[in-house]
């Protein structure tokens, strides 16, 4: 049996001088919404490359989302497991 499930991630960026912030929103099929943030700062001697700042900030926000998903999954496993489980990392 094949099941198709889709998740939607929205990503927004804010550039303020040398600092880039990314905000991520993940909507899961169970109705859960997870939010995460990532930041980066450009060194004053580096050239302006907005795309690079966005990529780094986005990667950090997605890394935060990954951590939240592992924590959520661990909690759901523990709810039905008769023995203690180890956190997922």
Protein backbone atom coordinates (compact mmCIF):
# COMPACT_ATOMS: atom_id res chain seq x y z
CA UNK A 1 0.00 0.00 0.00
CA UNK A 2 1.35 3.41 -0.93
CA UNK A 3 0.55 6.56 1.02
CA UNK A 4 1.33 10.08 -0.11
CA UNK A 5 1.69 12.77 2.54
CA UNK A 6 2.82 16.34 1.97
CA UNK A 7 4.38 18.82 4.32
CA UNK A 8 4.67 22.51 3.62
CA UNK A 9 7.53 24.68 4.76
CA UNK A 10 7.39 28.45 4.52
CA UNK A 11 10.60 30.43 4.81
CA UNK A 12 10.93 34.19 5.23
CA UNK A 13 14.08 36.28 5.39
CA UNK A 14 14.91 39.63 6.91
CA UNK A 15 18.10 41.48 6.01
CA UNK A 16 19.31 44.19 8.36
CA UNK A 17 22.75 45.43 7.41
CA UNK A 18 25.19 42.57 7.81
CA UNK A 19 22.67 40.38 9.68
CA UNK A 20 20.29 37.91 8.01
CA UNK A 21 17.42 36.22 9.85
CA UNK A 22 15.36 33.30 8.57
CA UNK A 23 12.00 32.23 9.98
CA UNK A 24 10.68 28.79 9.05
CA UNK A 25 7.18 27.41 9.52
CA UNK A 26 6.48 23.70 9.00
CA UNK A 27 2.90 22.46 8.77
CA UNK A 28 2.53 18.74 9.42
CA UNK A 29 -0.34 16.58 8.24
CA UNK A 30 -1.51 16.07 11.86
CA UNK A 31 -2.11 19.82 12.16
CA UNK A 32 1.04 20.54 14.14
CA UNK A 33 2.94 23.71 13.27
CA UNK A 34 6.61 23.98 14.14
CA UNK A 35 8.45 27.29 13.98
CA UNK A 36 12.19 27.84 13.89
CA UNK A 37 14.69 30.62 13.35
CA UNK A 38 18.20 30.88 12.01
CA UNK A 39 20.61 33.79 11.95
CA UNK A 40 23.89 34.77 10.39
CA UNK A 41 26.09 37.84 10.32
CA UNK A 42 28.41 38.95 7.56
CA UNK A 43 31.89 40.02 8.57
CA UNK A 44 32.45 43.72 7.71
CA UNK A 45 35.26 42.84 5.30
CA UNK A 46 33.14 40.31 3.36
CA UNK A 47 31.34 41.39 0.16
CA UNK A 48 27.55 41.66 0.22
CA UNK A 49 26.09 38.38 -1.00
CA UNK A 50 22.50 38.33 0.21
CA UNK A 51 21.85 34.86 -1.19
CA UNK A 52 24.70 33.36 0.85
CA UNK A 53 23.36 34.91 4.06
CA UNK A 54 19.91 33.56 3.27
CA UNK A 55 21.30 30.08 2.62
CA UNK A 56 23.19 29.98 5.91
CA UNK A 57 20.29 31.40 7.95
CA UNK A 58 17.87 28.98 6.23
CA UNK A 59 20.14 26.00 6.93
CA UNK A 60 20.26 26.95 10.60
CA UNK A 61 16.48 27.32 10.77
CA UNK A 62 15.98 23.96 9.04
CA UNK A 63 18.47 22.39 11.44
CA UNK A 64 16.33 23.71 14.30
CA UNK A 65 13.22 22.23 12.65
CA UNK A 66 14.98 18.87 12.33
CA UNK A 67 15.76 18.91 16.04
CA UNK A 68 12.15 19.74 16.88
CA UNK A 69 10.89 16.91 14.66
CA UNK A 70 13.21 14.41 16.38
CA UNK A 71 11.98 15.59 19.79
CA UNK A 72 8.33 15.30 18.65
CA UNK A 73 8.89 11.81 17.24
CA UNK A 74 10.65 10.69 20.43
CA UNK A 75 7.72 11.89 22.52
CA UNK A 76 5.26 10.01 20.31
CA UNK A 77 7.34 6.81 20.55
CA UNK A 78 7.49 7.13 24.33
CA UNK A 79 3.70 7.50 24.50
CA UNK A 80 3.20 3.98 23.14
CA UNK A 81 6.39 2.23 24.27
CA UNK A 82 6.23 0.07 27.40
CA UNK A 83 9.95 0.66 28.05
CA UNK A 84 11.88 3.94 28.30
CA UNK A 85 13.39 5.03 25.00
CA UNK A 86 16.50 7.03 24.21
CA UNK A 87 16.10 10.51 22.74
CA UNK A 88 16.54 10.68 18.98
CA UNK A 89 19.45 12.82 17.86
